[in-house]
PDB file of N, CA and C in Angstrom:
ATOM      1  N   UNK A   1       7.710  -5.432 -19.761  1.00  0.00           N
ATOM      2  CA  UNK A   1       8.203  -5.153 -18.412  1.00  0.00           C
ATOM      3  C   UNK A   1       7.057  -3.721 -17.612  1.00  0.00           C
ATOM      4  N   UNK A   2       7.636  -4.002 -16.629  1.00  0.00           N
ATOM      5  CA  UNK A   2       6.857  -3.538 -15.411  1.00  0.00           C
ATOM      6  C   UNK A   2       7.521  -1.526 -15.548  1.00  0.00           C
ATOM      7  N   UNK A   3       6.663  -0.786 -15.285  1.00  0.00           N
ATOM      8  CA  UNK A   3       7.170   0.706 -15.351  1.00  0.00           C
ATOM      9  C   UNK A   3       7.412   0.736 -14.271  1.00  0.00           C
ATOM     10  N   UNK A   4       8.398   0.507 -13.420  1.00  0.00           N
ATOM     11  CA  UNK A   4       8.975   1.014 -12.269  1.00  0.00           C
ATOM     12  C   UNK A   4       9.026   2.322 -11.676  1.00  0.00           C
ATOM     13  N   UNK A   5       9.335   3.414 -12.815  1.00  0.00           N
ATOM     14  CA  UNK A   5       9.047   4.887 -12.855  1.00  0.00           C
ATOM     15  C   UNK A   5       7.987   5.915 -12.070  1.00  0.00           C
ATOM     16  N   UNK A   6       6.995   4.987 -12.628  1.00  0.00           N
ATOM     17  CA  UNK A   6       5.696   5.135 -12.460  1.00  0.00           C
ATOM     18  C   UNK A   6       5.542   5.203 -11.302  1.00  0.00           C
ATOM     19  N   UNK A   7       5.433   3.502 -10.898  1.00  0.00           N
ATOM     20  CA  UNK A   7       5.178   3.434  -9.414  1.00  0.00           C
ATOM     21  C   UNK A   7       6.097   4.135  -8.499  1.00  0.00           C
ATOM     22  N   UNK A   8       7.443   4.059  -8.804  1.00  0.00           N
ATOM     23  CA  UNK A   8       8.447   5.088  -7.489  1.00  0.00           C
ATOM     24  C   UNK A   8       8.024   6.454  -7.849  1.00  0.00           C
ATOM     25  N   UNK A   9       7.270   7.252  -8.982  1.00  0.00           N
ATOM     26  CA  UNK A   9       6.635   8.309  -8.583  1.00  0.00           C
ATOM     27  C   UNK A   9       5.220   8.560  -7.598  1.00  0.00           C
ATOM     28  N   UNK A  10       4.583   7.320  -7.912  1.00  0.00           N
ATOM     29  CA  UNK A  10       3.485   7.242  -6.984  1.00  0.00           C
ATOM     30  C   UNK A  10       3.825   7.259  -5.739  1.00  0.00           C
ATOM     31  N   UNK A  11       4.825   6.482  -5.103  1.00  0.00           N
ATOM     32  CA  UNK A  11       4.845   6.001  -3.840  1.00  0.00           C
ATOM     33  C   UNK A  11       5.851   7.582  -3.273  1.00  0.00           C
ATOM     34  N   UNK A  12       6.270   8.415  -4.044  1.00  0.00           N
ATOM     35  CA  UNK A  12       7.216   9.617  -3.838  1.00  0.00           C
ATOM     36  C   UNK A  12       6.366  10.217  -3.544  1.00  0.00           C
ATOM     37  N   UNK A  13       5.407  10.439  -4.157  1.00  0.00           N
ATOM     38  CA  UNK A  13       3.800  11.361  -4.477  1.00  0.00           C
ATOM     39  C   UNK A  13       3.452  11.358  -2.765  1.00  0.00           C
ATOM     40  N   UNK A  14       3.240  10.010  -2.188  1.00  0.00           N
ATOM     41  CA  UNK A  14       2.854   9.811  -0.815  1.00  0.00           C
ATOM     42  C   UNK A  14       3.289  10.318   0.331  1.00  0.00           C
ATOM     43  N   UNK A  15       5.011  10.106  -0.306  1.00  0.00           N
ATOM     44  CA  UNK A  15       5.858  10.514   0.775  1.00  0.00           C
ATOM     45  C   UNK A  15       6.015  11.745   1.605  1.00  0.00           C
ATOM     46  N   UNK A  16       4.762  12.660   1.634  1.00  0.00           N
ATOM     47  CA  UNK A  16       4.557  13.549   2.385  1.00  0.00           C
ATOM     48  C   UNK A  16       3.578  13.589   3.325  1.00  0.00           C
ATOM     49  N   UNK A  17       3.700  13.834   4.559  1.00  0.00           N
ATOM     50  CA  UNK A  17       2.648  13.636   5.166  1.00  0.00           C
ATOM     51  C   UNK A  17       1.538  14.673   4.933  1.00  0.00           C
ATOM     52  N   UNK A  18       1.180  15.847   4.161  1.00  0.00           N
ATOM     53  CA  UNK A  18       0.059  16.549   3.773  1.00  0.00           C
ATOM     54  C   UNK A  18      -0.201  15.395   2.966  1.00  0.00           C
ATOM     55  N   UNK A  19       0.111  15.269   1.539  1.00  0.00           N
ATOM     56  CA  UNK A  19      -0.394  14.811   0.486  1.00  0.00           C
ATOM     57  C   UNK A  19      -0.790  13.089   1.218  1.00  0.00           C
ATOM     58  N   UNK A  20       0.253  12.354   2.019  1.00  0.00           N
ATOM     59  CA  UNK A  20      -0.944  11.233   2.426  1.00  0.00           C
ATOM     60  C   UNK A  20      -2.130  11.606   2.739  1.00  0.00           C
ATOM     61  N   UNK A  21      -2.306  12.779   4.039  1.00  0.00           N
ATOM     62  CA  UNK A  21      -3.522  12.753   4.620  1.00  0.00           C
ATOM     63  C   UNK A  21      -4.481  13.275   3.418  1.00  0.00           C
ATOM     64  N   UNK A  22      -4.316  13.734   2.425  1.00  0.00           N
ATOM     65  CA  UNK A  22      -4.998  14.448   1.248  1.00  0.00           C
ATOM     66  C   UNK A  22      -5.415  12.799   0.779  1.00  0.00           C
ATOM     67  N   UNK A  23      -4.884  12.291   0.222  1.00  0.00           N
ATOM     68  CA  UNK A  23      -5.186  10.802  -0.121  1.00  0.00           C
ATOM     69  C   UNK A  23      -6.244  10.035   0.656  1.00  0.00           C
ATOM     70  N   UNK A  24      -5.659   9.819   1.890  1.00  0.00           N
ATOM     71  CA  UNK A  24      -7.129   9.411   2.809  1.00  0.00           C
ATOM     72  C   UNK A  24      -8.215  10.086   2.976  1.00  0.00           C
ATOM     73  N   UNK A  25      -8.316  11.360   2.847  1.00  0.00           N
ATOM     74  CA  UNK A  25      -9.571  12.145   3.041  1.00  0.00           C
ATOM     75  C   UNK A  25     -10.518  11.550   1.359  1.00  0.00           C
ATOM     76  N   UNK A  26      -9.345  11.667   0.405  1.00  0.00           N
ATOM     77  CA  UNK A  26     -10.191  11.494  -0.839  1.00  0.00           C
ATOM     78  C   UNK A  26     -10.653  10.198  -0.967  1.00  0.00           C
ATOM     79  N   UNK A  27     -10.279   9.357   0.228  1.00  0.00           N
ATOM     80  CA  UNK A  27     -11.119   7.856   0.129  1.00  0.00           C
ATOM     81  C   UNK A  27     -11.959   7.755   0.484  1.00  0.00           C
ATOM     82  N   UNK A  28     -12.341   8.750   1.354  1.00  0.00           N
ATOM     83  CA  UNK A  28     -14.264   8.285   1.394  1.00  0.00           C
ATOM     84  C   UNK A  28     -15.003   9.055   0.647  1.00  0.00           C
ATOM     85  N   UNK A  29     -14.430  10.160  -0.380  1.00  0.00           N
ATOM     86  CA  UNK A  29     -15.388  10.499  -1.721  1.00  0.00           C
ATOM     87  C   UNK A  29     -14.539  12.193  -2.204  1.00  0.00           C
ATOM     88  N   UNK A  30     -15.245  12.503  -3.107  1.00  0.00           N
ATOM     89  CA  UNK A  30     -14.322  13.505  -3.490  1.00  0.00           C
ATOM     90  C   UNK A  30     -14.386  14.725  -2.866  1.00  0.00           C
ATOM     91  N   UNK A  31     -13.555  15.947  -2.824  1.00  0.00           N
ATOM     92  CA  UNK A  31     -13.855  16.711  -2.068  1.00  0.00           C
ATOM     93  C   UNK A  31     -13.391  18.192  -3.113  1.00  0.00           C
ATOM     94  N   UNK A  32     -13.808  19.221  -2.479  1.00  0.00           N
ATOM     95  CA  UNK A  32     -13.509  20.594  -3.319  1.00  0.00           C
ATOM     96  C   UNK A  32     -12.074  20.653  -2.405  1.00  0.00           C
ATOM     97  N   UNK A  33     -11.687  21.531  -3.518  1.00  0.00           N
ATOM     98  CA  UNK A  33     -10.266  22.531  -2.734  1.00  0.00           C
ATOM     99  C   UNK A  33     -10.392  22.930  -1.674  1.00  0.00           C
ATOM    100  N   UNK A  34     -11.765  23.518  -1.362  1.00  0.00           N
ATOM    101  CA  UNK A  34     -11.988  24.513  -0.670  1.00  0.00           C
ATOM    102  C   UNK A  34     -12.026  23.668   0.933  1.00  0.00           C
ATOM    103  N   UNK A  35     -12.858  22.691   0.850  1.00  0.00           N
ATOM    104  CA  UNK A  35     -12.778  21.503   1.780  1.00  0.00           C
ATOM    105  C   UNK A  35     -11.399  20.826   2.100  1.00  0.00           C
ATOM    106  N   UNK A  36     -10.616  20.744   1.256  1.00  0.00           N
ATOM    107  CA  UNK A  36      -8.861  20.157   1.764  1.00  0.00           C
ATOM    108  C   UNK A  36      -8.387  21.770   2.459  1.00  0.00           C
ATOM    109  N   UNK A  37      -8.500  22.711   2.120  1.00  0.00           N
ATOM    110  CA  UNK A  37      -8.074  23.727   2.566  1.00  0.00           C
ATOM    111  C   UNK A  37      -8.459  23.933   4.034  1.00  0.00           C
ATOM    112  N   UNK A  38      -9.995  23.779   4.084  1.00  0.00           N
ATOM    113  CA  UNK A  38     -10.065  24.148   5.643  1.00  0.00           C
ATOM    114  C   UNK A  38      -9.319  23.507   6.329  1.00  0.00           C
ATOM    115  N   UNK A  39      -8.538  21.901   6.320  1.00  0.00           N
ATOM    116  CA  UNK A  39      -8.721  20.775   6.748  1.00  0.00           C
ATOM    117  C   UNK A  39      -6.944  21.300   7.257  1.00  0.00           C
ATOM    118  N   UNK A  40      -6.577  22.218   6.239  1.00  0.00           N
ATOM    119  CA  UNK A  40      -4.633  22.282   6.583  1.00  0.00           C
ATOM    120  C   UNK A  40      -4.564  23.775   7.214  1.00  0.00           C
ATOM    121  N   UNK A  41      -3.699  24.013   7.592  1.00  0.00           N
ATOM    122  CA  UNK A  41      -2.970  25.126   7.469  1.00  0.00           C
ATOM    123  C   UNK A  41      -2.024  25.822   6.741  1.00  0.00           C
ATOM    124  N   UNK A  42      -2.499  25.863   5.290  1.00  0.00           N
ATOM    125  CA  UNK A  42      -1.694  25.743   4.255  1.00  0.00           C
ATOM    126  C   UNK A  42      -2.625  27.261   3.444  1.00  0.00           C
ATOM    127  N   UNK A  43      -1.736  27.614   2.145  1.00  0.00           N
ATOM    128  CA  UNK A  43      -2.526  28.611   1.588  1.00  0.00           C
ATOM    129  C   UNK A  43      -2.465  27.665   0.584  1.00  0.00           C
ATOM    130  N   UNK A  44      -3.416  28.557  -0.257  1.00  0.00           N
ATOM    131  CA  UNK A  44      -4.130  27.412  -1.482  1.00  0.00           C
ATOM    132  C   UNK A  44      -2.771  27.580  -3.024  1.00  0.00           C
ATOM    133  N   UNK A  45      -1.883  28.679  -2.870  1.00  0.00           N
ATOM    134  CA  UNK A  45      -0.816  28.030  -3.718  1.00  0.00           C
ATOM    135  C   UNK A  45       0.176  26.807  -3.532  1.00  0.00           C
ATOM    136  N   UNK A  46       0.050  26.919  -1.943  1.00  0.00           N
ATOM    137  CA  UNK A  46       0.564  25.323  -1.616  1.00  0.00           C
ATOM    138  C   UNK A  46       0.312  24.136  -1.818  1.00  0.00           C
ATOM    139  N   UNK A  47      -1.574  24.110  -1.735  1.00  0.00           N
ATOM    140  CA  UNK A  47      -2.624  22.978  -1.792  1.00  0.00           C
ATOM    141  C   UNK A  47      -2.130  22.477  -3.393  1.00  0.00           C
ATOM    142  N   UNK A  48      -2.387  23.555  -3.996  1.00  0.00           N
ATOM    143  CA  UNK A  48      -2.096  23.441  -5.346  1.00  0.00           C
ATOM    144  C   UNK A  48      -0.630  22.648  -5.591  1.00  0.00           C
ATOM    145  N   UNK A  49       0.022  23.262  -5.295  1.00  0.00           N
ATOM    146  CA  UNK A  49       1.591  22.321  -5.603  1.00  0.00           C
ATOM    147  C   UNK A  49       1.208  20.694  -4.877  1.00  0.00           C
ATOM    148  N   UNK A  50       0.674  20.578  -4.524  1.00  0.00           N
ATOM    149  CA  UNK A  50       0.615  19.495  -3.957  1.00  0.00           C
ATOM    150  C   UNK A  50      -0.494  18.557  -4.802  1.00  0.00           C
ATOM    151  N   UNK A  51      -1.637  19.016  -4.729  1.00  0.00           N
ATOM    152  CA  UNK A  51      -2.269  18.619  -5.606  1.00  0.00           C
ATOM    153  C   UNK A  51      -1.861  18.531  -7.197  1.00  0.00           C
ATOM    154  N   UNK A  52      -1.082  19.171  -7.864  1.00  0.00           N
ATOM    155  CA  UNK A  52      -0.192  19.182  -9.305  1.00  0.00           C
ATOM    156  C   UNK A  52       0.476  17.302  -8.769  1.00  0.00           C
ATOM    157  N   UNK A  53       1.224  17.650  -8.044  1.00  0.00           N
ATOM    158  CA  UNK A  53       2.181  15.775  -7.583  1.00  0.00           C
ATOM    159  C   UNK A  53       0.629  14.682  -7.477  1.00  0.00           C
ATOM    160  N   UNK A  54       0.045  14.574  -7.001  1.00  0.00           N
ATOM    161  CA  UNK A  54      -0.637  13.753  -6.394  1.00  0.00           C
ATOM    162  C   UNK A  54      -1.456  13.746  -7.709  1.00  0.00           C
ATOM    163  N   UNK A  55      -1.835  14.369  -8.884  1.00  0.00           N
ATOM    164  CA  UNK A  55      -2.706  14.116  -9.805  1.00  0.00           C
ATOM    165  C   UNK A  55      -1.624  13.713 -11.013  1.00  0.00           C
ATOM    166  N   UNK A  56      -0.390  14.697 -11.098  1.00  0.00           N
ATOM    167  CA  UNK A  56       0.882  14.024 -11.764  1.00  0.00           C
ATOM    168  C   UNK A  56       0.754  12.950 -11.539  1.00  0.00           C
ATOM    169  N   UNK A  57       1.058  11.917 -10.364  1.00  0.00           N
ATOM    170  CA  UNK A  57       1.662  10.478 -10.144  1.00  0.00           C
ATOM    171  C   UNK A  57      -0.202   9.631 -10.676  1.00  0.00           C
ATOM    172  N   UNK A  58      -1.072  10.395 -11.161  1.00  0.00           N
ATOM    173  CA  UNK A  58      -2.011   9.676 -11.407  1.00  0.00           C
ATOM    174  C   UNK A  58      -3.223   9.131 -10.252  1.00  0.00           C
ATOM    175  N   UNK A  59      -2.579   9.227  -9.217  1.00  0.00           N
ATOM    176  CA  UNK A  59      -3.447   9.011  -7.800  1.00  0.00           C
ATOM    177  C   UNK A  59      -4.801   9.894  -7.681  1.00  0.00           C
ATOM    178  N   UNK A  60      -4.915  11.025  -8.286  1.00  0.00           N
ATOM    179  CA  UNK A  60      -5.882  11.747  -8.115  1.00  0.00           C
ATOM    180  C   UNK A  60      -6.016  12.295  -9.209  1.00  0.00           C
ATOM    181  N   UNK A  61      -7.880  12.380  -9.557  1.00  0.00           N
ATOM    182  CA  UNK A  61      -7.915  13.221 -10.962  1.00  0.00           C
ATOM    183  C   UNK A  61      -8.709  14.129 -10.338  1.00  0.00           C
ATOM    184  N   UNK A  62      -8.702  15.130 -10.981  1.00  0.00           N
ATOM    185  CA  UNK A  62      -9.930  16.350 -10.844  1.00  0.00           C
ATOM    186  C   UNK A  62     -10.439  16.997 -11.771  1.00  0.00           C
ATOM    187  N   UNK A  63     -11.463  17.500 -11.211  1.00  0.00           N
ATOM    188  CA  UNK A  63     -12.316  18.584 -12.348  1.00  0.00           C
ATOM    189  C   UNK A  63     -12.829  19.886 -11.470  1.00  0.00           C
ATOM    190  N   UNK A  64     -12.848  20.417 -12.806  1.00  0.00           N
ATOM    191  CA  UNK A  64     -13.590  22.561 -12.498  1.00  0.00           C
ATOM    192  C   UNK A  64     -14.568  21.983 -11.970  1.00  0.00           C
ATOM    193  N   UNK A  65     -15.580  22.820 -11.300  1.00  0.00           N
ATOM    194  CA  UNK A  65     -16.628  23.360 -11.215  1.00  0.00           C
ATOM    195  C   UNK A  65     -16.702  24.628 -10.814  1.00  0.00           C
ATOM    196  N   UNK A  66     -16.970  25.558 -11.812  1.00  0.00           N
ATOM    197  CA  UNK A  66     -16.991  27.183 -11.733  1.00  0.00           C
ATOM    198  C   UNK A  66     -15.970  27.648 -10.973  1.00  0.00           C
ATOM    199  N   UNK A  67     -15.430  28.156  -9.970  1.00  0.00           N
ATOM    200  CA  UNK A  67     -14.289  28.609  -9.479  1.00  0.00           C
ATOM    201  C   UNK A  67     -13.472  27.771  -8.771  1.00  0.00           C
ATOM    202  N   UNK A  68     -13.977  26.397  -8.499  1.00  0.00           N
ATOM    203  CA  UNK A  68     -13.261  25.562  -7.498  1.00  0.00           C
ATOM    204  C   UNK A  68     -12.973  24.117  -8.475  1.00  0.00           C
ATOM    205  N   UNK A  69     -11.951  23.471  -7.764  1.00  0.00           N
ATOM    206  CA  UNK A  69     -11.434  22.568  -8.112  1.00  0.00           C
ATOM    207  C   UNK A  69     -12.070  21.062  -7.249  1.00  0.00           C
ATOM    208  N   UNK A  70     -12.873  20.318  -8.173  1.00  0.00           N
ATOM    209  CA  UNK A  70     -12.781  19.077  -7.237  1.00  0.00           C
ATOM    210  C   UNK A  70     -11.842  17.987  -7.452  1.00  0.00           C
ATOM    211  N   UNK A  71     -11.456  16.882  -6.325  1.00  0.00           N
ATOM    212  CA  UNK A  71     -10.546  16.252  -6.282  1.00  0.00           C
ATOM    213  C   UNK A  71     -11.015  14.936  -6.365  1.00  0.00           C
ATOM    214  N   UNK A  72     -10.323  13.542  -6.912  1.00  0.00           N
ATOM    215  CA  UNK A  72     -11.442  12.490  -6.758  1.00  0.00           C
ATOM    216  C   UNK A  72     -10.179  11.152  -6.454  1.00  0.00           C
ATOM    217  N   UNK A  73     -10.284  10.492  -6.125  1.00  0.00           N
ATOM    218  CA  UNK A  73      -9.143   9.439  -5.795  1.00  0.00           C
ATOM    219  C   UNK A  73      -9.314   8.625  -7.445  1.00  0.00           C
ATOM    220  N   UNK A  74      -8.020   7.820  -7.636  1.00  0.00           N
ATOM    221  CA  UNK A  74      -8.297   6.913  -8.625  1.00  0.00           C
ATOM    222  C   UNK A  74      -8.269   5.926  -7.756  1.00  0.00           C
ATOM    223  N   UNK A  75      -9.056   4.731  -7.673  1.00  0.00           N
ATOM    224  CA  UNK A  75      -8.851   4.189  -7.247  1.00  0.00           C
ATOM    225  C   UNK A  75      -8.108   2.465  -7.772  1.00  0.00           C
ATOM    226  N   UNK A  76      -8.108   2.599  -9.175  1.00  0.00           N
ATOM    227  CA  UNK A  76      -7.126   1.575 -10.186  1.00  0.00           C
ATOM    228  C   UNK A  76      -5.845   2.222  -9.729  1.00  0.00           C
ATOM    229  N   UNK A  77      -5.343   3.226  -9.449  1.00  0.00           N
ATOM    230  CA  UNK A  77      -3.824   3.456  -9.484  1.00  0.00           C
ATOM    231  C   UNK A  77      -3.676   3.039  -8.074  1.00  0.00           C
ATOM    232  N   UNK A  78      -4.683   3.080  -6.655  1.00  0.00           N
ATOM    233  CA  UNK A  78      -4.320   2.344  -5.582  1.00  0.00           C
ATOM    234  C   UNK A  78      -4.129   1.085  -5.498  1.00  0.00           C
ATOM    235  N   UNK A  79      -5.320   0.523  -5.796  1.00  0.00           N
ATOM    236  CA  UNK A  79      -5.095  -1.029  -6.391  1.00  0.00           C
ATOM    237  C   UNK A  79      -3.911  -1.491  -6.960  1.00  0.00           C
ATOM    238  N   UNK A  80      -3.275  -1.117  -7.823  1.00  0.00           N
ATOM    239  CA  UNK A  80      -2.000  -1.577  -8.636  1.00  0.00           C
ATOM    240  C   UNK A  80      -1.057  -0.624  -7.174  1.00  0.00           C
ATOM    241  N   UNK A  81      -1.224   0.041  -6.341  1.00  0.00           N
ATOM    242  CA  UNK A  81      -0.080   0.432  -5.443  1.00  0.00           C
ATOM    243  C   UNK A  81      -0.266  -0.853  -4.654  1.00  0.00           C
ATOM    244  N   UNK A  82      -1.268  -1.442  -4.408  1.00  0.00           N
ATOM    245  CA  UNK A  82      -1.192  -2.453  -3.103  1.00  0.00           C
ATOM    246  C   UNK A  82      -0.828  -3.475  -3.529  1.00  0.00           C
ATOM    247  N   UNK A  83      -1.175  -3.803  -4.826  1.00  0.00           N
ATOM    248  CA  UNK A  83      -0.871  -5.134  -5.505  1.00  0.00           C
ATOM    249  C   UNK A  83       0.473  -5.532  -5.467  1.00  0.00           C
ATOM    250  N   UNK A  84       1.747  -4.415  -5.739  1.00  0.00           N
ATOM    251  CA  UNK A  84       2.577  -3.945  -5.972  1.00  0.00           C
ATOM    252  C   UNK A  84       3.414  -4.592  -4.178  1.00  0.00           C
ATOM    253  N   UNK A  85       2.748  -3.792  -3.393  1.00  0.00           N
ATOM    254  CA  UNK A  85       3.452  -4.404  -2.021  1.00  0.00           C
ATOM    255  C   UNK A  85       2.660  -5.381  -1.417  1.00  0.00           C
ATOM    256  N   UNK A  86       1.664  -5.852  -2.050  1.00  0.00           N
ATOM    257  CA  UNK A  86       1.788  -7.096  -1.542  1.00  0.00           C
ATOM    258  C   UNK A  86       2.669  -8.244  -1.711  1.00  0.00           C
ATOM    259  N   UNK A  87       2.894  -7.854  -3.455  1.00  0.00           N
ATOM    260  CA  UNK A  87       4.073  -8.930  -3.790  1.00  0.00           C
ATOM    261  C   UNK A  87       5.579  -8.806  -3.272  1.00  0.00           C
ATOM    262  N   UNK A  88       5.784  -7.455  -2.820  1.00  0.00           N
ATOM    263  CA  UNK A  88       6.943  -7.150  -1.929  1.00  0.00           C
ATOM    264  C   UNK A  88       7.013  -8.031  -0.574  1.00  0.00           C
ATOM    265  N   UNK A  89       5.525  -8.118   0.176  1.00  0.00           N
ATOM    266  CA  UNK A  89       5.619  -8.701   1.000  1.00  0.00           C
ATOM    267  C   UNK A  89       5.893 -10.312   0.879  1.00  0.00           C
ATOM    268  N   UNK A  90       5.507 -11.007   0.310  1.00  0.00           N
ATOM    269  CA  UNK A  90       5.227 -12.293  -0.371  1.00  0.00           C
ATOM    270  C   UNK A  90       6.447 -12.417  -0.547  1.00  0.00           C
ATOM    271  N   UNK A  91       7.336 -11.808  -1.260  1.00  0.00           N
ATOM    272  CA  UNK A  91       8.774 -11.809  -1.728  1.00  0.00           C
ATOM    273  C   UNK A  91       9.861 -12.012  -0.586  1.00  0.00           C
ATOM    274  N   UNK A  92       9.017 -11.133   0.361  1.00  0.00           N
ATOM    275  CA  UNK A  92      10.360 -10.769   1.943  1.00  0.00           C
ATOM    276  C   UNK A  92      10.182 -12.649   2.290  1.00  0.00           C
ATOM    277  N   UNK A  93       8.839 -12.646   2.315  1.00  0.00           N
ATOM    278  CA  UNK A  93       8.156 -13.901   3.328  1.00  0.00           C
ATOM    279  C   UNK A  93       8.997 -15.274   2.755  1.00  0.00           C
ATOM    280  N   UNK A  94       9.631 -15.157   1.221  1.00  0.00           N
ATOM    281  CA  UNK A  94       9.879 -15.940   0.608  1.00  0.00           C
ATOM    282  C   UNK A  94      11.906 -16.120   0.976  1.00  0.00           C
ATOM    283  N   UNK A  95      12.608 -14.773   1.232  1.00  0.00           N
ATOM    284  CA  UNK A  95      13.297 -14.338   1.466  1.00  0.00           C
ATOM    285  C   UNK A  95      13.841 -15.292   3.002  1.00  0.00           C
ATOM    286  N   UNK A  96      13.107 -14.826   3.377  1.00  0.00           N
ATOM    287  CA  UNK A  96      13.357 -15.078   4.872  1.00  0.00           C
ATOM    288  C   UNK A  96      13.391 -17.093   5.343  1.00  0.00           C
ATOM    289  N   UNK A  97      12.573 -17.710   4.317  1.00  0.00           N
ATOM    290  CA  UNK A  97      12.620 -19.033   4.456  1.00  0.00           C
ATOM    291  C   UNK A  97      14.345 -19.781   4.090  1.00  0.00           C
ATOM    292  N   UNK A  98      14.938 -18.610   3.312  1.00  0.00           N
ATOM    293  CA  UNK A  98      16.101 -19.168   2.796  1.00  0.00           C
ATOM    294  C   UNK A  98      15.977 -18.786   1.062  1.00  0.00           C
ATOM    295  N   UNK A  99      16.758 -19.528   0.525  1.00  0.00           N
ATOM    296  CA  UNK A  99      16.937 -19.414  -0.802  1.00  0.00           C
ATOM    297  C   UNK A  99      17.007 -20.810  -1.401  1.00  0.00           C
ATOM    298  N   UNK A 100      17.095 -20.931  -2.373  1.00  0.00           N
ATOM    299  CA  UNK A 100      17.344 -22.234  -3.473  1.00  0.00           C
ATOM    300  C   UNK A 100      18.427 -23.317  -3.105  1.00  0.00           C
ATOM    301  N   UNK A 101      19.529 -22.221  -3.164  1.00  0.00           N
ATOM    302  CA  UNK A 101      20.558 -22.873  -2.780  1.00  0.00           C
ATOM    303  C   UNK A 101      20.975 -23.790  -1.463  1.00  0.00           C
ATOM    304  N   UNK A 102      19.564 -23.720  -0.465  1.00  0.00           N
ATOM    305  CA  UNK A 102      19.907 -24.361   0.651  1.00  0.00           C
ATOM    306  C   UNK A 102      20.108 -23.378   1.560  1.00  0.00           C
ATOM    307  N   UNK A 103      21.249 -22.276   2.080  1.00  0.00           N
ATOM    308  CA  UNK A 103      21.046 -21.497   2.504  1.00  0.00           C
ATOM    309  C   UNK A 103      20.268 -20.459   2.766  1.00  0.00           C
ATOM    310  N   UNK A 104      20.197 -20.760   4.264  1.00  0.00           N
ATOM    311  CA  UNK A 104      19.206 -19.432   5.188  1.00  0.00           C
ATOM    312  C   UNK A 104      19.942 -18.425   4.965  1.00  0.00           C
ATOM    313  N   UNK A 105      19.249 -17.677   6.259  1.00  0.00           N
ATOM    314  CA  UNK A 105      19.803 -16.003   6.172  1.00  0.00           C
ATOM    315  C   UNK A 105      20.455 -16.341   7.429  1.00  0.00           C
ATOM    316  N   UNK A 106      21.919 -15.378   6.891  1.00  0.00           N
ATOM    317  CA  UNK A 106      22.679 -15.099   8.101  1.00  0.00           C
ATOM    318  C   UNK A 106      22.566 -13.930   9.001  1.00  0.00           C
TER     319      UNK A 106
END
């Protein structure tokens, strides 16, 4: 059985504009928390809150180096999310064709 709770947690993590932008930034490569902070007008505790959600979803990994945390995207998780979205898109296309009983959309 698929873990829909895990997938829902991942998509929920992306439902915030700041977190979505952070994930997009991380697709270019790992970033230090100071670089992420410099991009936004938020405090360090606010960034920590967002990163806790992203790391908790599995989309982002972190590593401490000295006083700073470094964040990296988890490409496997993003690939799983993309696969699910593609599957849903195919399902929608089938639904537009009508169902097996011969009835189309009303």
